[in-house]
Amino acid sequence: MFDLPTLTIEQQREYRKFRKWLLKDGFIMMQESIYTKLVLNGNSVKLVMDKIKLNKTKKGIIQVLVLSEKEFNSIEFITGETTSNVLSSLKRVVII
């Protein structure tokens, strides 16, 4: 999770650079300013933390919350009306 300032052009540049790095390193945006990454064990967590520290911005807050797979699976998503353009079909080929 992060909260980075974007008041100046330099801060906006750092924000974009950090966000692009997250995506390149395999993070997935879960919500605005909240990114997740699945890692296998504690050693992998340490490596990811070290990478985040290397790529941090000059200003702003970056917070890391480590959850076990069981804890992550217990997250409950509560949403309003959802829309989807995904077609659901049992057919192997869908002709549009």
PDB file of N, CA and C in Angstrom:
ATOM      1  N   MET A   1       0.867  -1.164   0.000  1.00  0.00           N
ATOM      2  CA  MET A   1       0.000   0.000   0.000  1.00  0.00           C
ATOM      3  C   MET A   1       0.907   1.218   0.000  1.00  0.00           C
ATOM      4  N   PHE A   2       0.500   2.225  -0.728  1.00  0.00           N
ATOM      5  CA  PHE A   2       1.335   3.419  -0.716  1.00  0.00           C
ATOM      6  C   PHE A   2       0.501   4.673  -0.880  1.00  0.00           C
ATOM      7  N   ASP A   3       1.041   5.755  -0.353  1.00  0.00           N
ATOM      8  CA  ASP A   3       0.461   7.078  -0.494  1.00  0.00           C
ATOM      9  C   ASP A   3       1.615   7.995  -0.858  1.00  0.00           C
ATOM     10  N   LEU A   4       1.708   8.321  -2.124  1.00  0.00           N
ATOM     11  CA  LEU A   4       2.817   9.125  -2.608  1.00  0.00           C
ATOM     12  C   LEU A   4       2.308  10.485  -3.064  1.00  0.00           C
ATOM     13  N   PRO A   5       3.045  11.551  -2.748  1.00  0.00           N
ATOM     14  CA  PRO A   5       2.618  12.883  -3.175  1.00  0.00           C
ATOM     15  C   PRO A   5       2.767  13.043  -4.688  1.00  0.00           C
ATOM     16  N   THR A   6       1.857  13.813  -5.273  1.00  0.00           N
ATOM     17  CA  THR A   6       1.911  14.067  -6.720  1.00  0.00           C
ATOM     18  C   THR A   6       1.667  15.554  -7.008  1.00  0.00           C
ATOM     19  N   LEU A   7       2.197  16.407  -6.142  1.00  0.00           N
ATOM     20  CA  LEU A   7       1.961  17.840  -6.295  1.00  0.00           C
ATOM     21  C   LEU A   7       2.863  18.474  -7.351  1.00  0.00           C
ATOM     22  N   THR A   8       4.085  18.015  -7.466  1.00  0.00           N
ATOM     23  CA  THR A   8       5.011  18.583  -8.433  1.00  0.00           C
ATOM     24  C   THR A   8       5.224  17.597  -9.587  1.00  0.00           C
ATOM     25  N   ILE A   9       5.802  18.093 -10.651  1.00  0.00           N
ATOM     26  CA  ILE A   9       6.082  17.242 -11.811  1.00  0.00           C
ATOM     27  C   ILE A   9       7.073  16.137 -11.430  1.00  0.00           C
ATOM     28  N   GLU A  10       8.058  16.468 -10.610  1.00  0.00           N
ATOM     29  CA  GLU A  10       9.037  15.468 -10.159  1.00  0.00           C
ATOM     30  C   GLU A  10       8.364  14.375  -9.339  1.00  0.00           C
ATOM     31  N   GLN A  11       7.442  14.753  -8.452  1.00  0.00           N
ATOM     32  CA  GLN A  11       6.726  13.767  -7.641  1.00  0.00           C
ATOM     33  C   GLN A  11       5.833  12.888  -8.518  1.00  0.00           C
ATOM     34  N   GLN A  12       5.206  13.472  -9.517  1.00  0.00           N
ATOM     35  CA  GLN A  12       4.385  12.691 -10.436  1.00  0.00           C
ATOM     36  C   GLN A  12       5.246  11.700 -11.209  1.00  0.00           C
ATOM     37  N   ARG A  13       6.439  12.130 -11.598  1.00  0.00           N
ATOM     38  CA  ARG A  13       7.372  11.253 -12.313  1.00  0.00           C
ATOM     39  C   ARG A  13       7.794  10.076 -11.421  1.00  0.00           C
ATOM     40  N   GLU A  14       8.106  10.362 -10.151  1.00  0.00           N
ATOM     41  CA  GLU A  14       8.483   9.303  -9.212  1.00  0.00           C
ATOM     42  C   GLU A  14       7.323   8.336  -8.974  1.00  0.00           C
ATOM     43  N   TYR A  15       6.106   8.872  -8.867  1.00  0.00           N
ATOM     44  CA  TYR A  15       4.917   8.032  -8.677  1.00  0.00           C
ATOM     45  C   TYR A  15       4.765   7.059  -9.841  1.00  0.00           C
ATOM     46  N   ARG A  16       4.835   7.592 -11.073  1.00  0.00           N
ATOM     47  CA  ARG A  16       4.688   6.737 -12.264  1.00  0.00           C
ATOM     48  C   ARG A  16       5.801   5.703 -12.344  1.00  0.00           C
ATOM     49  N   LYS A  17       7.015   6.111 -12.020  1.00  0.00           N
ATOM     50  CA  LYS A  17       8.153   5.190 -12.062  1.00  0.00           C
ATOM     51  C   LYS A  17       7.967   4.057 -11.051  1.00  0.00           C
ATOM     52  N   PHE A  18       7.533   4.392  -9.833  1.00  0.00           N
ATOM     53  CA  PHE A  18       7.323   3.375  -8.802  1.00  0.00           C
ATOM     54  C   PHE A  18       6.200   2.422  -9.199  1.00  0.00           C
ATOM     55  N   ARG A  19       5.094   2.957  -9.706  1.00  0.00           N
ATOM     56  CA  ARG A  19       3.958   2.128 -10.111  1.00  0.00           C
ATOM     57  C   ARG A  19       4.356   1.198 -11.266  1.00  0.00           C
ATOM     58  N   LYS A  20       5.078   1.726 -12.235  1.00  0.00           N
ATOM     59  CA  LYS A  20       5.534   0.883 -13.353  1.00  0.00           C
ATOM     60  C   LYS A  20       6.469  -0.216 -12.851  1.00  0.00           C
ATOM     61  N   TRP A  21       7.323   0.111 -11.876  1.00  0.00           N
ATOM     62  CA  TRP A  21       8.218  -0.908 -11.321  1.00  0.00           C
ATOM     63  C   TRP A  21       7.408  -2.017 -10.649  1.00  0.00           C
ATOM     64  N   LEU A  22       6.378  -1.635  -9.873  1.00  0.00           N
ATOM     65  CA  LEU A  22       5.535  -2.640  -9.215  1.00  0.00           C
ATOM     66  C   LEU A  22       4.956  -3.614 -10.239  1.00  0.00           C
ATOM     67  N   LEU A  23       4.392  -3.080 -11.308  1.00  0.00           N
ATOM     68  CA  LEU A  23       3.780  -3.926 -12.330  1.00  0.00           C
ATOM     69  C   LEU A  23       4.823  -4.813 -13.020  1.00  0.00           C
ATOM     70  N   LYS A  24       5.981  -4.233 -13.316  1.00  0.00           N
ATOM     71  CA  LYS A  24       7.059  -4.995 -13.967  1.00  0.00           C
ATOM     72  C   LYS A  24       7.567  -6.117 -13.061  1.00  0.00           C
ATOM     73  N   ASP A  25       7.537  -5.891 -11.748  1.00  0.00           N
ATOM     74  CA  ASP A  25       8.037  -6.883 -10.797  1.00  0.00           C
ATOM     75  C   ASP A  25       6.988  -7.935 -10.426  1.00  0.00           C
ATOM     76  N   GLY A  26       5.814  -7.862 -11.046  1.00  0.00           N
ATOM     77  CA  GLY A  26       4.826  -8.905 -10.830  1.00  0.00           C
ATOM     78  C   GLY A  26       3.718  -8.579  -9.842  1.00  0.00           C
ATOM     79  N   PHE A  27       3.642  -7.346  -9.390  1.00  0.00           N
ATOM     80  CA  PHE A  27       2.556  -6.945  -8.507  1.00  0.00           C
ATOM     81  C   PHE A  27       1.285  -6.751  -9.331  1.00  0.00           C
ATOM     82  N   ILE A  28       0.144  -6.978  -8.702  1.00  0.00           N
ATOM     83  CA  ILE A  28      -1.151  -6.810  -9.348  1.00  0.00           C
ATOM     84  C   ILE A  28      -1.937  -5.775  -8.557  1.00  0.00           C
ATOM     85  N   MET A  29      -2.547  -4.823  -9.264  1.00  0.00           N
ATOM     86  CA  MET A  29      -3.321  -3.793  -8.578  1.00  0.00           C
ATOM     87  C   MET A  29      -4.620  -4.398  -8.052  1.00  0.00           C
ATOM     88  N   MET A  30      -4.776  -4.343  -6.750  1.00  0.00           N
ATOM     89  CA  MET A  30      -5.976  -4.858  -6.100  1.00  0.00           C
ATOM     90  C   MET A  30      -7.001  -3.734  -5.953  1.00  0.00           C
ATOM     91  N   GLN A  31      -6.506  -2.550  -5.713  1.00  0.00           N
ATOM     92  CA  GLN A  31      -7.305  -1.346  -5.557  1.00  0.00           C
ATOM     93  C   GLN A  31      -6.339  -0.190  -5.772  1.00  0.00           C
ATOM     94  N   GLU A  32      -6.849   0.998  -5.996  1.00  0.00           N
ATOM     95  CA  GLU A  32      -5.957   2.128  -6.227  1.00  0.00           C
ATOM     96  C   GLU A  32      -4.962   2.268  -5.071  1.00  0.00           C
ATOM     97  N   SER A  33      -3.700   2.280  -5.382  1.00  0.00           N
ATOM     98  CA  SER A  33      -2.595   2.383  -4.421  1.00  0.00           C
ATOM     99  C   SER A  33      -2.439   1.157  -3.524  1.00  0.00           C
ATOM    100  N   ILE A  34      -3.101   0.051  -3.857  1.00  0.00           N
ATOM    101  CA  ILE A  34      -2.928  -1.204  -3.126  1.00  0.00           C
ATOM    102  C   ILE A  34      -2.578  -2.287  -4.141  1.00  0.00           C
ATOM    103  N   TYR A  35      -1.381  -2.815  -4.016  1.00  0.00           N
ATOM    104  CA  TYR A  35      -0.889  -3.820  -4.953  1.00  0.00           C
ATOM    105  C   TYR A  35      -0.548  -5.091  -4.184  1.00  0.00           C
ATOM    106  N   THR A  36      -0.761  -6.241  -4.812  1.00  0.00           N
ATOM    107  CA  THR A  36      -0.490  -7.516  -4.168  1.00  0.00           C
ATOM    108  C   THR A  36       0.480  -8.331  -5.005  1.00  0.00           C
ATOM    109  N   LYS A  37       1.190  -9.213  -4.322  1.00  0.00           N
ATOM    110  CA  LYS A  37       2.097 -10.136  -4.995  1.00  0.00           C
ATOM    111  C   LYS A  37       2.153 -11.421  -4.180  1.00  0.00           C
ATOM    112  N   LEU A  38       2.010 -12.535  -4.861  1.00  0.00           N
ATOM    113  CA  LEU A  38       2.083 -13.837  -4.218  1.00  0.00           C
ATOM    114  C   LEU A  38       3.541 -14.288  -4.180  1.00  0.00           C
ATOM    115  N   VAL A  39       4.023 -14.633  -2.995  1.00  0.00           N
ATOM    116  CA  VAL A  39       5.383 -15.164  -2.849  1.00  0.00           C
ATOM    117  C   VAL A  39       5.316 -16.494  -2.116  1.00  0.00           C
ATOM    118  N   LEU A  40       6.335 -17.300  -2.281  1.00  0.00           N
ATOM    119  CA  LEU A  40       6.289 -18.667  -1.776  1.00  0.00           C
ATOM    120  C   LEU A  40       6.614 -18.828  -0.300  1.00  0.00           C
ATOM    121  N   ASN A  41       7.546 -18.028   0.221  1.00  0.00           N
ATOM    122  CA  ASN A  41       7.979 -18.245   1.605  1.00  0.00           C
ATOM    123  C   ASN A  41       8.577 -16.966   2.195  1.00  0.00           C
ATOM    124  N   GLY A  42       9.032 -17.059   3.447  1.00  0.00           N
ATOM    125  CA  GLY A  42       9.598 -15.902   4.138  1.00  0.00           C
ATOM    126  C   GLY A  42      10.834 -15.333   3.476  1.00  0.00           C
ATOM    127  N   ASN A  43      11.654 -16.189   2.882  1.00  0.00           N
ATOM    128  CA  ASN A  43      12.844 -15.700   2.174  1.00  0.00           C
ATOM    129  C   ASN A  43      12.450 -14.838   0.983  1.00  0.00           C
ATOM    130  N   SER A  44      11.399 -15.259   0.277  1.00  0.00           N
ATOM    131  CA  SER A  44      10.909 -14.478  -0.860  1.00  0.00           C
ATOM    132  C   SER A  44      10.347 -13.140  -0.401  1.00  0.00           C
ATOM    133  N   VAL A  45       9.689 -13.133   0.753  1.00  0.00           N
ATOM    134  CA  VAL A  45       9.163 -11.885   1.311  1.00  0.00           C
ATOM    135  C   VAL A  45      10.311 -10.918   1.560  1.00  0.00           C
ATOM    136  N   LYS A  46      11.400 -11.406   2.132  1.00  0.00           N
ATOM    137  CA  LYS A  46      12.553 -10.546   2.411  1.00  0.00           C
ATOM    138  C   LYS A  46      13.138  -9.971   1.123  1.00  0.00           C
ATOM    139  N   LEU A  47      13.229 -10.795   0.088  1.00  0.00           N
ATOM    140  CA  LEU A  47      13.744 -10.317  -1.202  1.00  0.00           C
ATOM    141  C   LEU A  47      12.851  -9.226  -1.784  1.00  0.00           C
ATOM    142  N   VAL A  48      11.541  -9.431  -1.711  1.00  0.00           N
ATOM    143  CA  VAL A  48      10.608  -8.427  -2.219  1.00  0.00           C
ATOM    144  C   VAL A  48      10.729  -7.139  -1.419  1.00  0.00           C
ATOM    145  N   MET A  49      10.831  -7.251  -0.098  1.00  0.00           N
ATOM    146  CA  MET A  49      10.991  -6.065   0.752  1.00  0.00           C
ATOM    147  C   MET A  49      12.256  -5.290   0.383  1.00  0.00           C
ATOM    148  N   ASP A  50      13.347  -6.022   0.162  1.00  0.00           N
ATOM    149  CA  ASP A  50      14.603  -5.373  -0.233  1.00  0.00           C
ATOM    150  C   ASP A  50      14.443  -4.637  -1.558  1.00  0.00           C
ATOM    151  N   LYS A  51      13.735  -5.238  -2.515  1.00  0.00           N
ATOM    152  CA  LYS A  51      13.504  -4.597  -3.811  1.00  0.00           C
ATOM    153  C   LYS A  51      12.658  -3.339  -3.654  1.00  0.00           C
ATOM    154  N   ILE A  52      11.648  -3.412  -2.799  1.00  0.00           N
ATOM    155  CA  ILE A  52      10.803  -2.232  -2.566  1.00  0.00           C
ATOM    156  C   ILE A  52      11.639  -1.100  -1.985  1.00  0.00           C
ATOM    157  N   LYS A  53      12.506  -1.427  -1.038  1.00  0.00           N
ATOM    158  CA  LYS A  53      13.368  -0.406  -0.431  1.00  0.00           C
ATOM    159  C   LYS A  53      14.304   0.219  -1.462  1.00  0.00           C
ATOM    160  N   LEU A  54      14.762  -0.565  -2.422  1.00  0.00           N
ATOM    161  CA  LEU A  54      15.632  -0.038  -3.475  1.00  0.00           C
ATOM    162  C   LEU A  54      14.882   0.878  -4.441  1.00  0.00           C
ATOM    163  N   ASN A  55      13.591   0.643  -4.620  1.00  0.00           N
ATOM    164  CA  ASN A  55      12.808   1.385  -5.599  1.00  0.00           C
ATOM    165  C   ASN A  55      11.872   2.420  -4.981  1.00  0.00           C
ATOM    166  N   LYS A  56      12.001   2.674  -3.687  1.00  0.00           N
ATOM    167  CA  LYS A  56      11.116   3.626  -3.012  1.00  0.00           C
ATOM    168  C   LYS A  56      11.337   5.043  -3.542  1.00  0.00           C
ATOM    169  N   THR A  57      10.352   5.884  -3.316  1.00  0.00           N
ATOM    170  CA  THR A  57      10.452   7.275  -3.728  1.00  0.00           C
ATOM    171  C   THR A  57      11.086   8.105  -2.607  1.00  0.00           C
ATOM    172  N   LYS A  58      11.437   9.344  -2.921  1.00  0.00           N
ATOM    173  CA  LYS A  58      12.056  10.219  -1.921  1.00  0.00           C
ATOM    174  C   LYS A  58      11.067  10.588  -0.819  1.00  0.00           C
ATOM    175  N   LYS A  59       9.811  10.819  -1.202  1.00  0.00           N
ATOM    176  CA  LYS A  59       8.788  11.219  -0.235  1.00  0.00           C
ATOM    177  C   LYS A  59       7.606  10.267  -0.350  1.00  0.00           C
ATOM    178  N   GLY A  60       6.773  10.254   0.673  1.00  0.00           N
ATOM    179  CA  GLY A  60       5.577   9.426   0.662  1.00  0.00           C
ATOM    180  C   GLY A  60       5.711   8.256   1.620  1.00  0.00           C
ATOM    181  N   ILE A  61       4.627   7.499   1.701  1.00  0.00           N
ATOM    182  CA  ILE A  61       4.566   6.361   2.624  1.00  0.00           C
ATOM    183  C   ILE A  61       4.307   5.091   1.826  1.00  0.00           C
ATOM    184  N   ILE A  62       5.104   4.079   2.102  1.00  0.00           N
ATOM    185  CA  ILE A  62       4.890   2.749   1.535  1.00  0.00           C
ATOM    186  C   ILE A  62       4.753   1.801   2.715  1.00  0.00           C
ATOM    187  N   GLN A  63       3.660   1.055   2.757  1.00  0.00           N
ATOM    188  CA  GLN A  63       3.415   0.110   3.834  1.00  0.00           C
ATOM    189  C   GLN A  63       3.287  -1.286   3.245  1.00  0.00           C
ATOM    190  N   VAL A  64       3.831  -2.272   3.948  1.00  0.00           N
ATOM    191  CA  VAL A  64       3.772  -3.653   3.490  1.00  0.00           C
ATOM    192  C   VAL A  64       3.055  -4.476   4.557  1.00  0.00           C
ATOM    193  N   LEU A  65       2.072  -5.230   4.133  1.00  0.00           N
ATOM    194  CA  LEU A  65       1.328  -6.116   5.006  1.00  0.00           C
ATOM    195  C   LEU A  65       1.500  -7.530   4.459  1.00  0.00           C
ATOM    196  N   VAL A  66       2.069  -8.413   5.259  1.00  0.00           N
ATOM    197  CA  VAL A  66       2.311  -9.791   4.833  1.00  0.00           C
ATOM    198  C   VAL A  66       1.186 -10.664   5.389  1.00  0.00           C
ATOM    199  N   LEU A  67       0.497 -11.354   4.489  1.00  0.00           N
ATOM    200  CA  LEU A  67      -0.590 -12.247   4.865  1.00  0.00           C
ATOM    201  C   LEU A  67      -0.260 -13.659   4.411  1.00  0.00           C
ATOM    202  N   SER A  68      -0.696 -14.632   5.185  1.00  0.00           N
ATOM    203  CA  SER A  68      -0.567 -16.017   4.737  1.00  0.00           C
ATOM    204  C   SER A  68      -1.615 -16.258   3.655  1.00  0.00           C
ATOM    205  N   GLU A  69      -1.464 -17.347   2.933  1.00  0.00           N
ATOM    206  CA  GLU A  69      -2.430 -17.663   1.881  1.00  0.00           C
ATOM    207  C   GLU A  69      -3.832 -17.831   2.467  1.00  0.00           C
ATOM    208  N   LYS A  70      -3.911 -18.448   3.632  1.00  0.00           N
ATOM    209  CA  LYS A  70      -5.200 -18.654   4.296  1.00  0.00           C
ATOM    210  C   LYS A  70      -5.833 -17.312   4.665  1.00  0.00           C
ATOM    211  N   GLU A  71      -5.034 -16.391   5.198  1.00  0.00           N
ATOM    212  CA  GLU A  71      -5.546 -15.069   5.552  1.00  0.00           C
ATOM    213  C   GLU A  71      -6.004 -14.310   4.308  1.00  0.00           C
ATOM    214  N   PHE A  72      -5.212 -14.393   3.238  1.00  0.00           N
ATOM    215  CA  PHE A  72      -5.563 -13.707   2.002  1.00  0.00           C
ATOM    216  C   PHE A  72      -6.874 -14.250   1.442  1.00  0.00           C
ATOM    217  N   ASN A  73      -7.054 -15.558   1.514  1.00  0.00           N
ATOM    218  CA  ASN A  73      -8.279 -16.177   1.005  1.00  0.00           C
ATOM    219  C   ASN A  73      -9.505 -15.806   1.824  1.00  0.00           C
ATOM    220  N   SER A  74      -9.301 -15.326   3.046  1.00  0.00           N
ATOM    221  CA  SER A  74     -10.446 -14.952   3.879  1.00  0.00           C
ATOM    222  C   SER A  74     -10.909 -13.520   3.628  1.00  0.00           C
ATOM    223  N   ILE A  75     -10.260 -12.801   2.722  1.00  0.00           N
ATOM    224  CA  ILE A  75     -10.686 -11.442   2.401  1.00  0.00           C
ATOM    225  C   ILE A  75     -12.069 -11.510   1.770  1.00  0.00           C
ATOM    226  N   GLU A  76     -12.965 -10.674   2.262  1.00  0.00           N
ATOM    227  CA  GLU A  76     -14.320 -10.635   1.722  1.00  0.00           C
ATOM    228  C   GLU A  76     -14.485  -9.359   0.913  1.00  0.00           C
ATOM    229  N   PHE A  77     -14.873  -9.505  -0.327  1.00  0.00           N
ATOM    230  CA  PHE A  77     -15.078  -8.364  -1.213  1.00  0.00           C
ATOM    231  C   PHE A  77     -16.555  -7.990  -1.204  1.00  0.00           C
ATOM    232  N   ILE A  78     -16.846  -6.774  -0.820  1.00  0.00           N
ATOM    233  CA  ILE A  78     -18.216  -6.269  -0.790  1.00  0.00           C
ATOM    234  C   ILE A  78     -18.276  -5.135  -1.801  1.00  0.00           C
ATOM    235  N   THR A  79     -19.085  -5.313  -2.823  1.00  0.00           N
ATOM    236  CA  THR A  79     -19.145  -4.319  -3.887  1.00  0.00           C
ATOM    237  C   THR A  79     -20.577  -3.924  -4.165  1.00  0.00           C
ATOM    238  N   GLY A  80     -20.722  -2.834  -4.868  1.00  0.00           N
ATOM    239  CA  GLY A  80     -22.027  -2.410  -5.345  1.00  0.00           C
ATOM    240  C   GLY A  80     -22.342  -3.172  -6.622  1.00  0.00           C
ATOM    241  N   GLU A  81     -23.085  -2.545  -7.487  1.00  0.00           N
ATOM    242  CA  GLU A  81     -23.455  -3.176  -8.750  1.00  0.00           C
ATOM    243  C   GLU A  81     -22.210  -3.373  -9.603  1.00  0.00           C
ATOM    244  N   THR A  82     -22.050  -4.566 -10.130  1.00  0.00           N
ATOM    245  CA  THR A  82     -20.913  -4.839 -10.992  1.00  0.00           C
ATOM    246  C   THR A  82     -21.374  -5.040 -12.409  1.00  0.00           C
ATOM    247  N   THR A  83     -20.507  -4.668 -13.328  1.00  0.00           N
ATOM    248  CA  THR A  83     -20.777  -4.902 -14.744  1.00  0.00           C
ATOM    249  C   THR A  83     -19.612  -5.670 -15.320  1.00  0.00           C
ATOM    250  N   SER A  84     -19.909  -6.489 -16.289  1.00  0.00           N
ATOM    251  CA  SER A  84     -18.852  -7.286 -16.891  1.00  0.00           C
ATOM    252  C   SER A  84     -19.166  -7.510 -18.353  1.00  0.00           C
ATOM    253  N   ASN A  85     -18.149  -7.429 -19.173  1.00  0.00           N
ATOM    254  CA  ASN A  85     -18.324  -7.720 -20.583  1.00  0.00           C
ATOM    255  C   ASN A  85     -17.734  -9.085 -20.923  1.00  0.00           C
ATOM    256  N   VAL A  86     -17.557  -9.930 -19.905  1.00  0.00           N
ATOM    257  CA  VAL A  86     -17.018 -11.261 -20.097  1.00  0.00           C
ATOM    258  C   VAL A  86     -18.156 -12.203 -20.440  1.00  0.00           C
ATOM    259  N   LEU A  87     -17.988 -12.945 -21.539  1.00  0.00           N
ATOM    260  CA  LEU A  87     -19.001 -13.916 -21.933  1.00  0.00           C
ATOM    261  C   LEU A  87     -18.728 -15.227 -21.224  1.00  0.00           C
ATOM    262  N   SER A  88     -19.754 -15.813 -20.665  1.00  0.00           N
ATOM    263  CA  SER A  88     -19.620 -17.080 -19.988  1.00  0.00           C
ATOM    264  C   SER A  88     -20.362 -18.125 -20.798  1.00  0.00           C
ATOM    265  N   SER A  89     -19.639 -19.127 -21.273  1.00  0.00           N
ATOM    266  CA  SER A  89     -20.249 -20.134 -22.126  1.00  0.00           C
ATOM    267  C   SER A  89     -19.556 -21.468 -21.923  1.00  0.00           C
ATOM    268  N   LEU A  90     -20.325 -22.533 -22.077  1.00  0.00           N
ATOM    269  CA  LEU A  90     -19.743 -23.864 -22.007  1.00  0.00           C
ATOM    270  C   LEU A  90     -19.172 -24.289 -23.348  1.00  0.00           C
ATOM    271  N   LYS A  91     -19.491 -23.560 -24.405  1.00  0.00           N
ATOM    272  CA  LYS A  91     -18.972 -23.875 -25.742  1.00  0.00           C
ATOM    273  C   LYS A  91     -17.487 -23.564 -25.795  1.00  0.00           C
ATOM    274  N   ARG A  92     -16.776 -24.338 -26.577  1.00  0.00           N
ATOM    275  CA  ARG A  92     -15.338 -24.116 -26.731  1.00  0.00           C
ATOM    276  C   ARG A  92     -15.045 -22.915 -27.637  1.00  0.00           C
ATOM    277  N   VAL A  93     -15.918 -22.644 -28.592  1.00  0.00           N
ATOM    278  CA  VAL A  93     -15.715 -21.533 -29.503  1.00  0.00           C
ATOM    279  C   VAL A  93     -16.924 -20.614 -29.402  1.00  0.00           C
ATOM    280  N   VAL A  94     -16.665 -19.339 -29.248  1.00  0.00           N
ATOM    281  CA  VAL A  94     -17.729 -18.367 -29.207  1.00  0.00           C
ATOM    282  C   VAL A  94     -17.534 -17.458 -30.414  1.00  0.00           C
ATOM    283  N   ILE A  95     -18.558 -17.368 -31.257  1.00  0.00           N
ATOM    284  CA  ILE A  95     -18.497 -16.511 -32.450  1.00  0.00           C
ATOM    285  C   ILE A  95     -19.303 -15.259 -32.153  1.00  0.00           C
ATOM    286  N   ILE A  96     -18.636 -14.113 -32.285  1.00  0.00           N
ATOM    287  CA  ILE A  96     -19.288 -12.845 -31.987  1.00  0.00           C
ATOM    288  C   ILE A  96     -19.521 -12.094 -33.283  1.00  0.00           C
TER     289      ILE A  96
END
